[in-house]
Amino acid sequence: MTHYLPVMLDVSGQRIVVIGGGAVAERKVLSLLDAKAGVTVISPALSTALAELAGEGRIRWLDRGYAPGDVRGAFLVYAASSDPKINEAAASECRALGLPVNVASRAEAGNFITPGVLRRGRLTVAVSTSGAGPSAAAGITAQLAELFGGEYEPYLDFLHMMRTEIKRQEPAAEIRGRLLRRLGQLDVLNELRQGTFIEWTPEAVSAWIAANREE
């Protein structure tokens, strides 16, 4: 079994090449656009959604099949054509160039795979079965969606705001650590679940920091 390294990549502004224009390629492209990547799609035909994206200028479309040299200079490559031979050829070129490549038709032909993803604002949960079964990963992701509900988005926004203010208002590392520990003890998550949470004003934030500085 291949042991994959879980990573979170910042692909904003990076050139990502997607080979293929069908449903699989479409899913890859949509997730890449969410991550602010610069996407080039190489395919003689596009799904309706991809054609709309190309028409809007949100992706670059090369209206032809894959050719050697197409992946040179890419940050990542997705070989998502419906033709396994094309995917294998693209993967071979990527390996020769030392480029990360995901192969939709045969995961082991590439050197990275994409997990199932659950997002709740700042929270990202990734699920992988190491290629054993995408449907199993989807099922696990669905179970996690029930566990981590929509309340996690405002909760993590609150924690981020508080952490930013603590760092801004308190120069002493020891006191900052104490404040951050006490921040984690607040019952904000349950308040959000019950609908009783009231947004903290800047004055309330400063008052809480002042009240919790001491042991």
Protein backbone atom coordinates (compact mmCIF):
# COMPACT_ATOMS: atom_id res chain seq x y z
CA MET A 1 0.00 0.00 0.00
CA THR A 2 1.24 3.47 -0.86
CA HIS A 3 1.63 5.74 2.16
CA TYR A 4 0.66 9.23 1.03
CA LEU A 5 1.82 12.41 2.77
CA PRO A 6 -1.15 14.66 3.67
CA VAL A 7 -0.40 18.26 2.72
CA MET A 8 -2.32 21.51 2.25
CA LEU A 9 -1.08 23.37 -0.83
CA ASP A 10 -1.49 27.05 -1.62
CA VAL A 11 -2.11 26.99 -5.38
CA SER A 12 -3.42 30.54 -5.71
CA GLY A 13 -2.10 32.00 -8.95
CA GLN A 14 -0.26 28.79 -9.86
CA ARG A 15 -0.52 27.27 -13.33
CA ILE A 16 -2.40 23.97 -13.09
CA VAL A 17 -2.90 21.81 -16.18
CA VAL A 18 -5.98 19.60 -16.47
CA ILE A 19 -6.01 17.14 -19.37
CA GLY A 20 -9.56 16.17 -20.29
CA GLY A 21 -12.87 17.97 -20.56
CA GLY A 22 -15.47 15.60 -19.13
CA ALA A 23 -17.17 15.16 -15.77
CA VAL A 24 -14.02 14.07 -13.92
CA ALA A 25 -12.00 16.99 -15.27
CA GLU A 26 -14.87 19.32 -14.41
CA ARG A 27 -14.77 18.29 -10.73
CA LYS A 28 -11.01 18.87 -10.64
CA VAL A 29 -11.33 22.28 -12.28
CA LEU A 30 -14.08 23.49 -9.95
CA SER A 31 -12.04 22.62 -6.85
CA LEU A 32 -8.98 24.30 -8.36
CA LEU A 33 -10.91 27.48 -9.09
CA ASP A 34 -12.15 27.51 -5.50
CA ALA A 35 -8.47 27.49 -4.51
CA LYS A 36 -7.76 30.46 -6.86
CA ALA A 37 -5.51 28.46 -9.19
CA GLY A 38 -4.81 29.47 -12.77
CA VAL A 39 -6.28 26.55 -14.72
CA THR A 40 -5.43 25.43 -18.25
CA VAL A 41 -7.69 22.72 -19.70
CA ILE A 42 -6.46 20.68 -22.66
CA SER A 43 -9.23 18.83 -24.49
CA PRO A 44 -10.92 18.85 -27.91
CA ALA A 45 -14.32 18.92 -26.17
CA LEU A 46 -15.66 20.35 -22.92
CA SER A 47 -18.56 19.64 -20.61
CA THR A 48 -21.24 22.31 -20.52
CA ALA A 49 -19.93 23.74 -17.25
CA LEU A 50 -16.33 23.85 -18.47
CA ALA A 51 -17.41 25.47 -21.74
CA GLU A 52 -19.15 28.19 -19.73
CA LEU A 53 -16.03 28.74 -17.63
CA ALA A 54 -13.92 29.00 -20.77
CA GLY A 55 -16.39 31.45 -22.29
CA GLU A 56 -16.23 33.59 -19.16
CA GLY A 57 -12.43 33.58 -19.27
CA ARG A 58 -12.14 31.82 -15.92
CA ILE A 59 -10.08 29.00 -17.41
CA ARG A 60 -7.69 28.82 -20.35
CA TRP A 61 -8.83 26.24 -22.91
CA LEU A 62 -6.58 24.59 -25.46
CA ASP A 63 -9.02 23.16 -27.99
CA ARG A 64 -7.06 20.03 -28.91
CA GLY A 65 -5.71 16.81 -27.49
CA TYR A 66 -2.71 16.52 -25.20
CA ALA A 67 0.72 16.85 -26.82
CA PRO A 68 4.20 16.34 -25.34
CA GLY A 69 5.43 19.57 -23.79
CA ASP A 70 1.97 20.69 -22.63
CA VAL A 71 2.76 20.14 -18.95
CA ARG A 72 6.14 21.86 -18.90
CA GLY A 73 6.17 24.66 -16.33
CA ALA A 74 3.01 23.50 -14.55
CA PHE A 75 2.76 23.48 -10.76
CA LEU A 76 0.44 20.45 -10.76
CA VAL A 77 -1.04 18.25 -13.48
CA TYR A 78 -4.32 16.33 -13.52
CA ALA A 79 -4.54 13.64 -16.20
CA ALA A 80 -8.33 13.28 -16.33
CA SER A 81 -8.99 12.29 -19.92
CA SER A 82 -11.47 9.51 -20.72
CA ASP A 83 -8.64 7.83 -22.65
CA PRO A 84 -6.27 5.96 -20.26
CA LYS A 85 -3.51 5.98 -22.88
CA ILE A 86 -3.51 9.78 -22.95
CA ASN A 87 -3.41 9.87 -19.16
CA GLU A 88 -0.50 7.43 -19.07
CA ALA A 89 1.43 9.46 -21.66
CA ALA A 90 0.91 12.67 -19.70
CA ALA A 91 1.91 10.95 -16.46
CA SER A 92 5.07 9.62 -18.08
CA GLU A 93 6.07 13.12 -19.17
CA CYS A 94 5.32 14.49 -15.70
CA ARG A 95 7.50 11.87 -14.05
CA ALA A 96 10.34 12.68 -16.44
CA LEU A 97 10.03 16.38 -15.57
CA GLY A 98 9.61 15.78 -11.84
CA LEU A 99 6.09 17.22 -11.79
CA PRO A 100 3.31 16.13 -9.41
CA VAL A 101 0.59 14.36 -11.40
CA ASN A 102 -2.79 12.92 -10.51
CA VAL A 103 -4.07 10.20 -12.85
CA ALA A 104 -7.83 9.74 -12.74
CA SER A 105 -7.93 6.43 -14.61
CA ARG A 106 -5.23 4.69 -12.55
CA ALA A 107 -4.17 6.30 -9.28
CA GLU A 108 -0.92 4.35 -9.00
CA ALA A 109 0.28 5.84 -12.30
CA GLY A 110 0.49 9.25 -10.61
CA ASN A 111 2.23 10.46 -7.48
CA PHE A 112 -0.60 12.23 -5.68
CA ILE A 113 -4.31 11.65 -5.14
CA THR A 114 -7.08 14.02 -4.14
CA PRO A 115 -9.08 13.26 -0.98
CA GLY A 116 -12.72 13.74 -0.20
CA VAL A 117 -13.07 17.21 1.31
CA LEU A 118 -15.43 18.75 3.84
CA ARG A 119 -15.25 22.53 4.24
CA ARG A 120 -16.75 24.69 6.95
CA GLY A 121 -15.24 28.11 6.37
CA ARG A 122 -11.73 27.95 7.85
CA LEU A 123 -12.14 24.26 8.65
CA THR A 124 -11.00 21.77 6.04
CA VAL A 125 -11.30 18.03 6.68
CA ALA A 126 -9.75 15.70 4.10
CA VAL A 127 -10.58 11.99 3.84
CA SER A 128 -8.58 9.47 1.86
CA THR A 129 -8.77 5.69 1.58
CA SER A 130 -5.40 5.66 -0.26
CA GLY A 131 -7.18 4.77 -3.48
CA ALA A 132 -9.09 1.82 -2.01
CA GLY A 133 -12.52 3.25 -2.76
CA PRO A 134 -13.73 6.76 -3.63
CA SER A 135 -17.28 5.81 -2.62
CA ALA A 136 -16.06 4.82 0.85
CA ALA A 137 -14.25 8.15 1.19
CA ALA A 138 -17.45 9.94 0.13
CA GLY A 139 -19.45 8.03 2.74
CA ILE A 140 -16.99 8.88 5.50
CA THR A 141 -16.99 12.53 4.42
CA ALA A 142 -20.81 12.55 4.62
CA GLN A 143 -20.65 11.17 8.17
CA LEU A 144 -18.17 13.87 9.15
CA ALA A 145 -20.49 16.50 7.66
CA GLU A 146 -23.08 15.52 10.27
CA LEU A 147 -20.50 15.76 13.06
CA PHE A 148 -19.03 19.08 11.95
CA GLY A 149 -22.06 21.22 11.19
CA GLY A 150 -22.40 24.73 9.83
CA GLU A 151 -21.79 26.21 13.28
CA TYR A 152 -18.08 25.52 12.87
CA GLU A 153 -17.69 28.31 10.31
CA PRO A 154 -18.70 31.19 12.64
CA TYR A 155 -16.99 29.42 15.55
CA LEU A 156 -13.62 29.38 13.83
CA ASP A 157 -14.13 32.94 12.61
CA PHE A 158 -14.69 33.92 16.25
CA LEU A 159 -11.54 32.09 17.39
CA HIS A 160 -9.51 33.72 14.62
CA MET A 161 -10.79 37.17 15.55
CA MET A 162 -10.04 36.60 19.23
CA ARG A 163 -6.59 35.18 18.59
CA THR A 164 -5.76 38.18 16.38
CA GLU A 165 -6.90 40.61 19.08
CA ILE A 166 -5.05 38.77 21.85
CA LYS A 167 -1.83 38.94 19.84
CA ARG A 168 -2.42 42.62 19.09
CA GLN A 169 -3.36 43.70 22.61
CA GLU A 170 -1.04 41.54 24.73
CA PRO A 171 2.75 41.71 24.16
CA ALA A 172 3.74 39.23 26.88
CA ALA A 173 4.03 35.66 25.56
CA GLU A 174 3.14 34.06 28.90
CA ILE A 175 -0.07 36.06 29.24
CA ARG A 176 -0.97 35.47 25.59
CA GLY A 177 -0.67 31.74 26.20
CA ARG A 178 -2.95 31.99 29.24
CA LEU A 179 -5.53 33.96 27.28
CA LEU A 180 -5.48 31.48 24.40
CA ARG A 181 -5.99 28.56 26.79
CA ARG A 182 -8.95 30.32 28.38
CA LEU A 183 -10.31 31.16 24.96
CA GLY A 184 -10.54 27.44 24.25
CA GLN A 185 -12.67 26.99 27.37
CA LEU A 186 -15.43 29.34 26.22
CA ASP A 187 -18.75 27.68 25.39
CA VAL A 188 -19.16 29.53 22.10
CA LEU A 189 -19.63 26.40 19.98
CA ASN A 190 -22.62 25.22 22.01
CA GLU A 191 -24.07 28.73 22.01
CA LEU A 192 -23.88 28.74 18.22
CA ARG A 193 -25.57 25.34 18.06
CA GLN A 194 -28.38 26.55 20.32
CA GLY A 195 -28.75 29.90 18.56
CA THR A 196 -27.95 31.88 21.71
CA PHE A 197 -24.58 33.29 20.67
CA ILE A 198 -24.38 37.10 20.59
CA GLU A 199 -21.67 38.71 18.48
CA TRP A 200 -18.91 40.22 20.59
CA THR A 201 -18.29 43.93 20.17
CA PRO A 202 -14.71 45.29 20.14
CA GLU A 203 -15.39 46.62 23.63
CA ALA A 204 -16.48 43.17 24.84
CA VAL A 205 -13.35 41.60 23.37
CA SER A 206 -11.08 44.10 25.11
CA ALA A 207 -12.98 43.67 28.39
CA TRP A 208 -12.60 39.87 28.24
CA ILE A 209 -8.87 40.16 27.55
CA ALA A 210 -8.43 42.57 30.47
CA ALA A 211 -10.44 40.33 32.82
CA ASN A 212 -8.50 37.17 31.93
CA ARG A 213 -4.92 38.43 31.96
CA GLU A 214 -4.25 37.44 35.56
CA GLU A 215 -3.90 33.92 36.99
